[in-house]
Amino acid sequence: MRSRQHQRGMALLIAIILVAIATTLAVAIGYGGVLFAKRSTSVFTWMQAERFAQGAEGLAAYALQQSLQGSAVVSPDEIWAQPYGPAELDTGVTLEASLEDLQGRFNINSLINAQGVVDPQQFKQFQALLTLLGMDVGIASQVVDWIDADSEVTQPEGAEDSAYLSLTPAYRTANIPITSISELLALPAMTRAIYDRLTPYITALPPGNNTTLNICTASGVVLDSLAPGQQSFSLNPDQLTAKRSSGCFPGIAALQASMPAAQWALIANRVGTSSRYFRLHTWITIGTTRFTLYSLLARSAGGTFRPILRTYGTE
């Protein structure tokens, strides 16, 4: 009797264990299936949003081409500068987009000239920009050392490998032109607050003569940085915006009149009224998912535009 009872007890225990194992496997398989379905949905949604965003690039390129065709002046009163959307593309899918002329900002890569050394006028302008924003001008030296080709500190406040290798984690300077201004967050003097304050006025474009500053779209702070010690345009930003509602302002003649002749001679070949580089900011919303794409559009010699750089989520 005891042996039979023992066998029945063991059988019952084994049955309970088998049921528990089967239940666990069923839950695991079911949970894995749910996760797989969610991942598949997320991937499909991302791919769908990316295709819509790339379609927005095509529309933006067409709008820029039509808006700027035959015009030597790029100003914020034109159609390309007007934000688009929100527009419904499909059921539950909306598009918003805006274009910005990046040549209305200071090009960080212009700090180093074609010979690979510091451009003194660009360096002075960047220092003036930092001063107008109430920032430490030593940031300019650190940027120079980050993008120049050598590994020697060229400015008193600069920073080369020796300053970065002591950090945790350690890293080295790039010693090449910046691709994204987010690289500046690696500088010793750069905090998030300083970065957020500075980024609306700077950009990272290919160095060269094709990236002259467009004075028709530049902010008042960037315009005033062209003549260190003067403030002709940044004191009243609303007035500057109002004057641009009907065309390019200040224009070459007005800018020249706002500074001494000697200073104008130094910057005359670095300013203009046209642009080749624009940034498209696209938002795609599908259900509760929001997708963001930043696209750098470049103008070719034939007047067409194409994307040459994309970043997802952040600039």
C-alpha atoms as a PDB file:
ATOM      1  CA  MET A   1       0.000   0.000   0.000  1.00  0.00           C
ATOM      2  CA  ARG A   2       2.725   2.412   0.935  1.00  0.00           C
ATOM      3  CA  SER A   3       4.609   1.619  -2.286  1.00  0.00           C
ATOM      4  CA  ARG A   4       1.488   2.287  -4.400  1.00  0.00           C
ATOM      5  CA  GLN A   5       0.767   5.543  -2.608  1.00  0.00           C
ATOM      6  CA  HIS A   6       4.388   6.582  -3.094  1.00  0.00           C
ATOM      7  CA  GLN A   7       4.179   5.815  -6.810  1.00  0.00           C
ATOM      8  CA  ARG A   8       0.925   7.753  -7.139  1.00  0.00           C
ATOM      9  CA  GLY A   9       2.490  10.697  -5.311  1.00  0.00           C
ATOM     10  CA  MET A  10       5.514  10.669  -7.599  1.00  0.00           C
ATOM     11  CA  ALA A  11       3.296  10.437 -10.665  1.00  0.00           C
ATOM     12  CA  LEU A  12       1.224  13.382  -9.471  1.00  0.00           C
ATOM     13  CA  LEU A  13       4.379  15.410  -8.784  1.00  0.00           C
ATOM     14  CA  ILE A  14       5.785  14.603 -12.201  1.00  0.00           C
ATOM     15  CA  ALA A  15       2.469  15.572 -13.809  1.00  0.00           C
ATOM     16  CA  ILE A  16       2.479  18.918 -11.973  1.00  0.00           C
ATOM     17  CA  ILE A  17       6.080  19.591 -13.050  1.00  0.00           C
ATOM     18  CA  LEU A  18       5.278  18.734 -16.684  1.00  0.00           C
ATOM     19  CA  VAL A  19       2.235  21.044 -16.642  1.00  0.00           C
ATOM     20  CA  ALA A  20       4.375  23.839 -15.158  1.00  0.00           C
ATOM     21  CA  ILE A  21       7.052  23.327 -17.824  1.00  0.00           C
ATOM     22  CA  ALA A  22       4.454  23.262 -20.599  1.00  0.00           C
ATOM     23  CA  THR A  23       2.824  26.406 -19.240  1.00  0.00           C
ATOM     24  CA  THR A  24       6.163  28.184 -19.037  1.00  0.00           C
ATOM     25  CA  LEU A  25       7.029  27.182 -22.604  1.00  0.00           C
ATOM     26  CA  ALA A  26       3.617  28.295 -23.848  1.00  0.00           C
ATOM     27  CA  VAL A  27       3.975  31.690 -22.136  1.00  0.00           C
ATOM     28  CA  ALA A  28       7.521  32.104 -23.467  1.00  0.00           C
ATOM     29  CA  ILE A  29       6.449  31.216 -27.008  1.00  0.00           C
ATOM     30  CA  GLY A  30       3.444  33.507 -26.794  1.00  0.00           C
ATOM     31  CA  TYR A  31       5.494  36.389 -25.357  1.00  0.00           C
ATOM     32  CA  GLY A  32       8.168  35.876 -28.005  1.00  0.00           C
ATOM     33  CA  GLY A  33       5.503  36.003 -30.671  1.00  0.00           C
ATOM     34  CA  VAL A  34       4.124  39.262 -29.289  1.00  0.00           C
ATOM     35  CA  LEU A  35       7.606  40.791 -29.195  1.00  0.00           C
ATOM     36  CA  PHE A  36       8.316  39.612 -32.736  1.00  0.00           C
ATOM     37  CA  ALA A  37       5.051  41.138 -33.942  1.00  0.00           C
ATOM     38  CA  LYS A  38       5.869  44.432 -32.201  1.00  0.00           C
ATOM     39  CA  ARG A  39       9.367  44.481 -33.652  1.00  0.00           C
ATOM     40  CA  SER A  40       8.004  43.757 -37.105  1.00  0.00           C
ATOM     41  CA  THR A  41       5.454  46.555 -36.734  1.00  0.00           C
ATOM     42  CA  SER A  42       8.131  48.971 -35.525  1.00  0.00           C
ATOM     43  CA  VAL A  43      10.477  48.115 -38.394  1.00  0.00           C
ATOM     44  CA  PHE A  44       7.667  48.430 -40.939  1.00  0.00           C
ATOM     45  CA  THR A  45       6.575  51.781 -39.445  1.00  0.00           C
ATOM     46  CA  TRP A  46      10.156  53.076 -39.510  1.00  0.00           C
ATOM     47  CA  MET A  47      10.650  51.992 -43.134  1.00  0.00           C
ATOM     48  CA  GLN A  48       7.325  53.540 -44.106  1.00  0.00           C
ATOM     49  CA  ALA A  49       8.198  56.823 -42.370  1.00  0.00           C
ATOM     50  CA  GLU A  50      11.628  56.857 -44.015  1.00  0.00           C
ATOM     51  CA  ARG A  51      10.073  56.494 -47.460  1.00  0.00           C
ATOM     52  CA  PHE A  52       7.645  59.337 -46.787  1.00  0.00           C
ATOM     53  CA  ALA A  53      10.528  61.503 -45.526  1.00  0.00           C
ATOM     54  CA  GLN A  54      12.573  60.771 -48.634  1.00  0.00           C
ATOM     55  CA  GLY A  55       9.575  61.756 -50.673  1.00  0.00           C
ATOM     56  CA  ALA A  56       9.567  65.051 -48.763  1.00  0.00           C
ATOM     57  CA  GLU A  57      13.193  65.523 -49.846  1.00  0.00           C
ATOM     58  CA  GLY A  58      12.109  65.261 -53.453  1.00  0.00           C
ATOM     59  CA  LEU A  59       9.321  67.806 -52.947  1.00  0.00           C
ATOM     60  CA  ALA A  60      11.703  70.179 -51.144  1.00  0.00           C
ATOM     61  CA  ALA A  61      14.301  69.864 -53.909  1.00  0.00           C
ATOM     62  CA  TYR A  62      11.651  70.656 -56.517  1.00  0.00           C
ATOM     63  CA  ALA A  63      10.352  73.625 -54.506  1.00  0.00           C
ATOM     64  CA  LEU A  64      13.878  75.028 -54.113  1.00  0.00           C
ATOM     65  CA  GLN A  65      14.628  74.581 -57.799  1.00  0.00           C
ATOM     66  CA  GLN A  66      11.434  76.329 -58.865  1.00  0.00           C
ATOM     67  CA  SER A  67      11.711  79.070 -56.262  1.00  0.00           C
ATOM     68  CA  LEU A  68      15.348  79.949 -56.972  1.00  0.00           C
ATOM     69  CA  GLN A  69      15.394  79.368 -60.725  1.00  0.00           C
ATOM     70  CA  GLY A  70      16.936  82.355 -62.474  1.00  0.00           C
ATOM     71  CA  SER A  71      17.444  84.220 -59.192  1.00  0.00           C
ATOM     72  CA  ALA A  72      20.861  85.264 -57.882  1.00  0.00           C
ATOM     73  CA  VAL A  73      19.418  86.235 -54.488  1.00  0.00           C
ATOM     74  CA  VAL A  74      18.223  83.807 -51.803  1.00  0.00           C
ATOM     75  CA  SER A  75      16.071  85.575 -49.226  1.00  0.00           C
ATOM     76  CA  PRO A  76      13.579  84.453 -46.534  1.00  0.00           C
ATOM     77  CA  ASP A  77      10.558  86.044 -48.220  1.00  0.00           C
ATOM     78  CA  GLU A  78      10.538  83.348 -50.917  1.00  0.00           C
ATOM     79  CA  ILE A  79       8.289  80.276 -51.041  1.00  0.00           C
ATOM     80  CA  TRP A  80      11.004  77.821 -49.971  1.00  0.00           C
ATOM     81  CA  ALA A  81      11.235  79.524 -46.559  1.00  0.00           C
ATOM     82  CA  GLN A  82       7.590  78.878 -45.681  1.00  0.00           C
ATOM     83  CA  PRO A  83       6.960  75.835 -43.431  1.00  0.00           C
ATOM     84  CA  TYR A  84       4.805  73.056 -44.873  1.00  0.00           C
ATOM     85  CA  GLY A  85       2.053  71.136 -43.089  1.00  0.00           C
ATOM     86  CA  PRO A  86       0.853  69.397 -41.152  1.00  0.00           C
ATOM     87  CA  ALA A  87      -0.554  67.624 -44.196  1.00  0.00           C
ATOM     88  CA  GLU A  88      -2.255  64.229 -44.229  1.00  0.00           C
ATOM     89  CA  LEU A  89      -0.483  61.843 -46.604  1.00  0.00           C
ATOM     90  CA  ASP A  90      -2.523  58.742 -45.782  1.00  0.00           C
ATOM     91  CA  THR A  91      -4.889  57.533 -43.104  1.00  0.00           C
ATOM     92  CA  GLY A  92      -3.122  58.237 -39.824  1.00  0.00           C
ATOM     93  CA  VAL A  93      -0.007  59.635 -41.552  1.00  0.00           C
ATOM     94  CA  THR A  94       0.899  63.346 -41.429  1.00  0.00           C
ATOM     95  CA  LEU A  95       3.854  65.321 -42.769  1.00  0.00           C
ATOM     96  CA  GLU A  96       5.442  68.537 -41.513  1.00  0.00           C
ATOM     97  CA  ALA A  97       8.564  70.084 -43.030  1.00  0.00           C
ATOM     98  CA  SER A  98      10.645  73.247 -43.013  1.00  0.00           C
ATOM     99  CA  LEU A  99      13.703  74.466 -44.906  1.00  0.00           C
ATOM    100  CA  GLU A 100      16.554  76.597 -43.596  1.00  0.00           C
ATOM    101  CA  ASP A 101      19.388  78.269 -45.477  1.00  0.00           C
ATOM    102  CA  LEU A 102      22.514  76.973 -43.731  1.00  0.00           C
ATOM    103  CA  GLN A 103      24.688  79.606 -45.385  1.00  0.00           C
ATOM    104  CA  GLY A 104      22.959  82.090 -43.127  1.00  0.00           C
ATOM    105  CA  ARG A 105      25.052  80.612 -40.293  1.00  0.00           C
ATOM    106  CA  PHE A 106      28.756  80.745 -39.472  1.00  0.00           C
ATOM    107  CA  ASN A 107      30.542  77.789 -41.046  1.00  0.00           C
ATOM    108  CA  ILE A 108      32.751  76.183 -38.389  1.00  0.00           C
ATOM    109  CA  ASN A 109      34.923  74.488 -41.024  1.00  0.00           C
ATOM    110  CA  SER A 110      35.914  77.863 -42.475  1.00  0.00           C
ATOM    111  CA  LEU A 111      38.182  78.405 -39.455  1.00  0.00           C
ATOM    112  CA  ILE A 112      40.850  76.419 -41.341  1.00  0.00           C
ATOM    113  CA  ASN A 113      41.802  77.715 -44.797  1.00  0.00           C
ATOM    114  CA  ALA A 114      42.806  75.780 -47.916  1.00  0.00           C
ATOM    115  CA  GLN A 115      46.427  75.669 -46.738  1.00  0.00           C
ATOM    116  CA  GLY A 116      45.400  73.862 -43.548  1.00  0.00           C
ATOM    117  CA  VAL A 117      46.137  76.742 -41.176  1.00  0.00           C
ATOM    118  CA  VAL A 118      43.922  79.069 -39.154  1.00  0.00           C
ATOM    119  CA  ASP A 119      42.096  81.724 -41.174  1.00  0.00           C
ATOM    120  CA  PRO A 120      42.658  84.864 -39.061  1.00  0.00           C
ATOM    121  CA  GLN A 121      39.542  86.700 -40.243  1.00  0.00           C
ATOM    122  CA  GLN A 122      37.242  83.727 -39.727  1.00  0.00           C
ATOM    123  CA  PHE A 123      38.804  83.149 -36.325  1.00  0.00           C
ATOM    124  CA  LYS A 124      38.170  86.773 -35.313  1.00  0.00           C
ATOM    125  CA  GLN A 125      34.578  86.539 -36.545  1.00  0.00           C
ATOM    126  CA  PHE A 126      33.934  83.390 -34.523  1.00  0.00           C
ATOM    127  CA  GLN A 127      35.403  85.026 -31.430  1.00  0.00           C
ATOM    128  CA  ALA A 128      33.145  88.036 -32.038  1.00  0.00           C
ATOM    129  CA  LEU A 129      30.145  85.708 -32.372  1.00  0.00           C
ATOM    130  CA  LEU A 130      30.993  84.051 -29.056  1.00  0.00           C
ATOM    131  CA  THR A 131      31.373  87.463 -27.411  1.00  0.00           C
ATOM    132  CA  LEU A 132      27.978  88.617 -28.674  1.00  0.00           C
ATOM    133  CA  LEU A 133      26.451  85.451 -27.182  1.00  0.00           C
ATOM    134  CA  GLY A 134      28.209  86.032 -23.844  1.00  0.00           C
ATOM    135  CA  MET A 135      30.461  82.973 -24.182  1.00  0.00           C
ATOM    136  CA  ASP A 136      34.115  82.220 -23.521  1.00  0.00           C
ATOM    137  CA  VAL A 137      36.153  83.066 -26.637  1.00  0.00           C
ATOM    138  CA  GLY A 138      38.486  80.186 -25.734  1.00  0.00           C
ATOM    139  CA  ILE A 139      35.936  77.889 -27.393  1.00  0.00           C
ATOM    140  CA  ALA A 140      37.187  79.194 -30.751  1.00  0.00           C
ATOM    141  CA  SER A 141      40.708  77.914 -30.025  1.00  0.00           C
ATOM    142  CA  GLN A 142      39.414  74.504 -29.017  1.00  0.00           C
ATOM    143  CA  VAL A 143      37.390  74.220 -32.232  1.00  0.00           C
ATOM    144  CA  VAL A 144      40.472  75.122 -34.288  1.00  0.00           C
ATOM    145  CA  ASP A 145      42.553  72.411 -32.603  1.00  0.00           C
ATOM    146  CA  TRP A 146      39.738  69.903 -33.113  1.00  0.00           C
ATOM    147  CA  ILE A 147      39.640  70.356 -36.905  1.00  0.00           C
ATOM    148  CA  ASP A 148      43.215  71.323 -37.868  1.00  0.00           C
ATOM    149  CA  ALA A 149      45.497  68.598 -39.205  1.00  0.00           C
ATOM    150  CA  ASP A 150      48.261  68.792 -36.599  1.00  0.00           C
ATOM    151  CA  SER A 151      48.415  67.638 -32.998  1.00  0.00           C
ATOM    152  CA  GLU A 152      49.925  70.793 -31.527  1.00  0.00           C
ATOM    153  CA  VAL A 153      48.060  73.403 -29.500  1.00  0.00           C
ATOM    154  CA  THR A 154      47.987  76.454 -31.757  1.00  0.00           C
ATOM    155  CA  GLN A 155      46.152  78.801 -29.405  1.00  0.00           C
ATOM    156  CA  PRO A 156      46.630  79.458 -25.648  1.00  0.00           C
ATOM    157  CA  GLU A 157      43.152  78.153 -24.775  1.00  0.00           C
ATOM    158  CA  GLY A 158      43.289  75.295 -27.265  1.00  0.00           C
ATOM    159  CA  ALA A 159      43.159  71.559 -26.593  1.00  0.00           C
ATOM    160  CA  GLU A 160      44.836  68.688 -28.413  1.00  0.00           C
ATOM    161  CA  ASP A 161      45.251  64.965 -27.672  1.00  0.00           C
ATOM    162  CA  SER A 162      46.928  65.527 -24.307  1.00  0.00           C
ATOM    163  CA  ALA A 163      43.761  67.164 -22.975  1.00  0.00           C
ATOM    164  CA  TYR A 164      41.442  64.424 -24.231  1.00  0.00           C
ATOM    165  CA  LEU A 165      43.514  61.357 -23.400  1.00  0.00           C
ATOM    166  CA  SER A 166      43.254  62.201 -19.694  1.00  0.00           C
ATOM    167  CA  LEU A 167      39.456  61.961 -19.817  1.00  0.00           C
ATOM    168  CA  THR A 168      37.339  58.885 -19.062  1.00  0.00           C
ATOM    169  CA  PRO A 169      36.776  57.455 -21.589  1.00  0.00           C
ATOM    170  CA  ALA A 170      39.868  58.778 -23.360  1.00  0.00           C
ATOM    171  CA  TYR A 171      39.733  59.868 -27.007  1.00  0.00           C
ATOM    172  CA  ARG A 172      41.680  61.922 -29.528  1.00  0.00           C
ATOM    173  CA  THR A 173      40.941  65.020 -31.565  1.00  0.00           C
ATOM    174  CA  ALA A 174      39.387  64.461 -34.981  1.00  0.00           C
ATOM    175  CA  ASN A 175      41.914  66.621 -36.920  1.00  0.00           C
ATOM    176  CA  ILE A 176      39.533  66.767 -39.893  1.00  0.00           C
ATOM    177  CA  PRO A 177      36.632  69.074 -40.846  1.00  0.00           C
ATOM    178  CA  ILE A 178      33.483  68.617 -38.778  1.00  0.00           C
ATOM    179  CA  THR A 179      30.598  66.718 -40.355  1.00  0.00           C
ATOM    180  CA  SER A 180      28.016  67.461 -37.650  1.00  0.00           C
ATOM    181  CA  ILE A 181      28.102  70.301 -35.150  1.00  0.00           C
ATOM    182  CA  SER A 182      27.175  67.775 -32.466  1.00  0.00           C
ATOM    183  CA  GLU A 183      30.892  66.909 -32.472  1.00  0.00           C
ATOM    184  CA  LEU A 184      31.440  70.126 -30.530  1.00  0.00           C
ATOM    185  CA  LEU A 185      29.985  68.412 -27.461  1.00  0.00           C
ATOM    186  CA  ALA A 186      33.322  66.613 -27.198  1.00  0.00           C
ATOM    187  CA  LEU A 187      35.201  69.859 -26.461  1.00  0.00           C
ATOM    188  CA  PRO A 188      36.331  70.387 -22.843  1.00  0.00           C
ATOM    189  CA  ALA A 189      34.693  73.820 -22.609  1.00  0.00           C
ATOM    190  CA  MET A 190      31.405  72.752 -24.219  1.00  0.00           C
ATOM    191  CA  THR A 191      28.452  72.157 -21.913  1.00  0.00           C
ATOM    192  CA  ARG A 192      24.963  71.285 -23.053  1.00  0.00           C
ATOM    193  CA  ALA A 193      23.723  74.773 -22.166  1.00  0.00           C
ATOM    194  CA  ILE A 194      26.491  76.435 -24.202  1.00  0.00           C
ATOM    195  CA  TYR A 195      25.891  74.052 -27.102  1.00  0.00           C
ATOM    196  CA  ASP A 196      22.133  74.769 -27.198  1.00  0.00           C
ATOM    197  CA  ARG A 197      22.824  78.504 -27.108  1.00  0.00           C
ATOM    198  CA  LEU A 198      25.436  78.381 -29.877  1.00  0.00           C
ATOM    199  CA  THR A 199      23.960  75.917 -32.384  1.00  0.00           C
ATOM    200  CA  PRO A 200      21.330  78.230 -33.969  1.00  0.00           C
ATOM    201  CA  TYR A 201      24.186  80.401 -35.280  1.00  0.00           C
ATOM    202  CA  ILE A 202      26.701  77.845 -36.587  1.00  0.00           C
ATOM    203  CA  THR A 203      26.816  75.036 -39.120  1.00  0.00           C
ATOM    204  CA  ALA A 204      29.284  72.500 -40.531  1.00  0.00           C
ATOM    205  CA  LEU A 205      29.496  72.847 -44.307  1.00  0.00           C
ATOM    206  CA  PRO A 206      32.257  71.871 -46.718  1.00  0.00           C
ATOM    207  CA  PRO A 207      35.016  74.493 -46.568  1.00  0.00           C
ATOM    208  CA  GLY A 208      35.663  76.611 -49.642  1.00  0.00           C
ATOM    209  CA  ASN A 209      34.526  79.639 -51.600  1.00  0.00           C
ATOM    210  CA  ASN A 210      31.074  78.166 -52.239  1.00  0.00           C
ATOM    211  CA  THR A 211      30.097  78.598 -48.603  1.00  0.00           C
ATOM    212  CA  THR A 212      30.127  82.381 -48.322  1.00  0.00           C
ATOM    213  CA  LEU A 213      27.799  83.846 -45.709  1.00  0.00           C
ATOM    214  CA  ASN A 214      24.388  84.763 -47.129  1.00  0.00           C
ATOM    215  CA  ILE A 215      23.635  88.139 -45.525  1.00  0.00           C
ATOM    216  CA  CYS A 216      19.996  87.946 -46.663  1.00  0.00           C
ATOM    217  CA  THR A 217      19.260  85.044 -44.311  1.00  0.00           C
ATOM    218  CA  ALA A 218      21.908  85.463 -41.584  1.00  0.00           C
ATOM    219  CA  SER A 219      20.705  86.384 -38.092  1.00  0.00           C
ATOM    220  CA  GLY A 220      21.508  89.781 -36.594  1.00  0.00           C
ATOM    221  CA  VAL A 221      24.096  88.217 -34.288  1.00  0.00           C
ATOM    222  CA  VAL A 222      25.955  86.583 -37.189  1.00  0.00           C
ATOM    223  CA  LEU A 223      25.834  89.821 -39.202  1.00  0.00           C
ATOM    224  CA  ASP A 224      27.264  91.831 -36.300  1.00  0.00           C
ATOM    225  CA  SER A 225      30.068  89.291 -35.855  1.00  0.00           C
ATOM    226  CA  LEU A 226      31.415  90.439 -39.246  1.00  0.00           C
ATOM    227  CA  ALA A 227      32.449  93.750 -37.640  1.00  0.00           C
ATOM    228  CA  PRO A 228      33.724  92.976 -34.118  1.00  0.00           C
ATOM    229  CA  GLY A 229      32.748  95.596 -31.569  1.00  0.00           C
ATOM    230  CA  GLN A 230      29.688  96.818 -33.502  1.00  0.00           C
ATOM    231  CA  GLN A 231      25.994  95.996 -33.079  1.00  0.00           C
ATOM    232  CA  SER A 232      23.960  97.220 -36.005  1.00  0.00           C
ATOM    233  CA  PHE A 233      21.544  94.315 -36.554  1.00  0.00           C
ATOM    234  CA  SER A 234      21.297  92.167 -33.409  1.00  0.00           C
ATOM    235  CA  LEU A 235      19.804  94.776 -31.070  1.00  0.00           C
ATOM    236  CA  ASN A 236      16.359  94.556 -32.674  1.00  0.00           C
ATOM    237  CA  PRO A 237      15.747  91.084 -34.230  1.00  0.00           C
ATOM    238  CA  ASP A 238      12.046  91.818 -34.836  1.00  0.00           C
ATOM    239  CA  GLN A 239      12.913  94.830 -36.946  1.00  0.00           C
ATOM    240  CA  LEU A 240      15.338  92.747 -39.005  1.00  0.00           C
ATOM    241  CA  THR A 241      12.631  90.118 -39.599  1.00  0.00           C
ATOM    242  CA  ALA A 242      10.101  92.780 -40.614  1.00  0.00           C
ATOM    243  CA  LYS A 243      12.459  94.320 -43.160  1.00  0.00           C
ATOM    244  CA  ARG A 244      13.112  90.893 -44.691  1.00  0.00           C
ATOM    245  CA  SER A 245       9.440  90.274 -45.333  1.00  0.00           C
ATOM    246  CA  SER A 246       9.756  92.150 -48.632  1.00  0.00           C
ATOM    247  CA  GLY A 247      13.179  90.962 -49.797  1.00  0.00           C
ATOM    248  CA  CYS A 248      16.860  90.742 -49.008  1.00  0.00           C
ATOM    249  CA  PHE A 249      18.090  92.859 -46.100  1.00  0.00           C
ATOM    250  CA  PRO A 250      20.563  94.372 -45.351  1.00  0.00           C
ATOM    251  CA  GLY A 251      21.973  93.765 -48.834  1.00  0.00           C
ATOM    252  CA  ILE A 252      25.563  94.309 -49.885  1.00  0.00           C
ATOM    253  CA  ALA A 253      25.412  98.122 -49.996  1.00  0.00           C
ATOM    254  CA  ALA A 254      23.700  98.476 -46.610  1.00  0.00           C
ATOM    255  CA  LEU A 255      26.107  96.038 -44.950  1.00  0.00           C
ATOM    256  CA  GLN A 256      29.099  97.848 -46.393  1.00  0.00           C
ATOM    257  CA  ALA A 257      27.761 101.156 -45.084  1.00  0.00           C
ATOM    258  CA  SER A 258      27.369  99.689 -41.569  1.00  0.00           C
ATOM    259  CA  MET A 259      31.107  99.183 -40.989  1.00  0.00           C
ATOM    260  CA  PRO A 260      34.411 100.953 -41.557  1.00  0.00           C
ATOM    261  CA  ALA A 261      35.940 100.677 -45.024  1.00  0.00           C
ATOM    262  CA  ALA A 262      38.975  98.803 -43.692  1.00  0.00           C
ATOM    263  CA  GLN A 263      36.781  96.109 -42.121  1.00  0.00           C
ATOM    264  CA  TRP A 264      34.668  95.781 -45.265  1.00  0.00           C
ATOM    265  CA  ALA A 265      37.810  95.161 -47.323  1.00  0.00           C
ATOM    266  CA  LEU A 266      38.598  92.190 -45.066  1.00  0.00           C
ATOM    267  CA  ILE A 267      35.210  90.492 -45.381  1.00  0.00           C
ATOM    268  CA  ALA A 268      33.930  91.545 -48.822  1.00  0.00           C
ATOM    269  CA  ASN A 269      34.872  88.238 -50.444  1.00  0.00           C
ATOM    270  CA  ARG A 270      33.307  86.174 -47.647  1.00  0.00           C
ATOM    271  CA  VAL A 271      29.731  87.438 -47.939  1.00  0.00           C
ATOM    272  CA  GLY A 272      27.077  87.203 -50.628  1.00  0.00           C
ATOM    273  CA  THR A 273      23.346  86.962 -51.309  1.00  0.00           C
ATOM    274  CA  SER A 274      23.043  83.417 -52.672  1.00  0.00           C
ATOM    275  CA  SER A 275      23.226  79.915 -51.193  1.00  0.00           C
ATOM    276  CA  ARG A 276      23.966  76.327 -52.163  1.00  0.00           C
ATOM    277  CA  TYR A 277      23.210  74.458 -48.932  1.00  0.00           C
ATOM    278  CA  PHE A 278      19.835  74.053 -47.252  1.00  0.00           C
ATOM    279  CA  ARG A 279      18.684  71.885 -44.379  1.00  0.00           C
ATOM    280  CA  LEU A 280      15.331  70.139 -44.589  1.00  0.00           C
ATOM    281  CA  HIS A 281      13.712  69.223 -41.264  1.00  0.00           C
ATOM    282  CA  THR A 282      10.994  66.600 -41.784  1.00  0.00           C
ATOM    283  CA  TRP A 283       8.535  65.211 -39.243  1.00  0.00           C
ATOM    284  CA  ILE A 284       6.466  62.142 -40.146  1.00  0.00           C
ATOM    285  CA  THR A 285       3.747  61.044 -37.707  1.00  0.00           C
ATOM    286  CA  ILE A 286       2.243  57.564 -38.101  1.00  0.00           C
ATOM    287  CA  GLY A 287      -0.318  56.848 -35.404  1.00  0.00           C
ATOM    288  CA  THR A 288       1.489  57.609 -32.152  1.00  0.00           C
ATOM    289  CA  THR A 289       4.976  57.249 -33.671  1.00  0.00           C
ATOM    290  CA  ARG A 290       6.910  60.377 -34.658  1.00  0.00           C
ATOM    291  CA  PHE A 291       9.854  60.140 -37.077  1.00  0.00           C
ATOM    292  CA  THR A 292      12.355  62.991 -37.597  1.00  0.00           C
ATOM    293  CA  LEU A 293      14.800  63.362 -40.485  1.00  0.00           C
ATOM    294  CA  TYR A 294      17.372  66.103 -41.092  1.00  0.00           C
ATOM    295  CA  SER A 295      18.564  66.318 -44.703  1.00  0.00           C
ATOM    296  CA  LEU A 296      21.353  68.487 -46.085  1.00  0.00           C
ATOM    297  CA  LEU A 297      20.389  69.499 -49.629  1.00  0.00           C
ATOM    298  CA  ALA A 298      23.092  70.815 -51.972  1.00  0.00           C
ATOM    299  CA  ARG A 299      22.587  72.811 -55.147  1.00  0.00           C
ATOM    300  CA  SER A 300      24.483  71.615 -58.219  1.00  0.00           C
ATOM    301  CA  ALA A 301      25.920  73.789 -60.978  1.00  0.00           C
ATOM    302  CA  GLY A 302      22.832  72.979 -63.052  1.00  0.00           C
ATOM    303  CA  GLY A 303      20.472  74.315 -60.393  1.00  0.00           C
ATOM    304  CA  THR A 304      19.119  70.973 -59.174  1.00  0.00           C
ATOM    305  CA  PHE A 305      19.169  69.892 -55.535  1.00  0.00           C
ATOM    306  CA  ARG A 306      20.018  66.528 -54.005  1.00  0.00           C
ATOM    307  CA  PRO A 307      20.535  65.245 -50.444  1.00  0.00           C
ATOM    308  CA  ILE A 308      24.187  64.748 -49.509  1.00  0.00           C
ATOM    309  CA  LEU A 309      23.768  63.970 -45.803  1.00  0.00           C
ATOM    310  CA  ARG A 310      20.978  62.548 -43.625  1.00  0.00           C
ATOM    311  CA  THR A 311      20.686  62.298 -39.863  1.00  0.00           C
ATOM    312  CA  TYR A 312      17.839  60.663 -37.974  1.00  0.00           C
ATOM    313  CA  GLY A 313      16.332  62.047 -34.791  1.00  0.00           C
ATOM    314  CA  THR A 314      19.062  64.592 -34.024  1.00  0.00           C
ATOM    315  CA  GLU A 315      20.884  67.247 -36.018  1.00  0.00           C
END
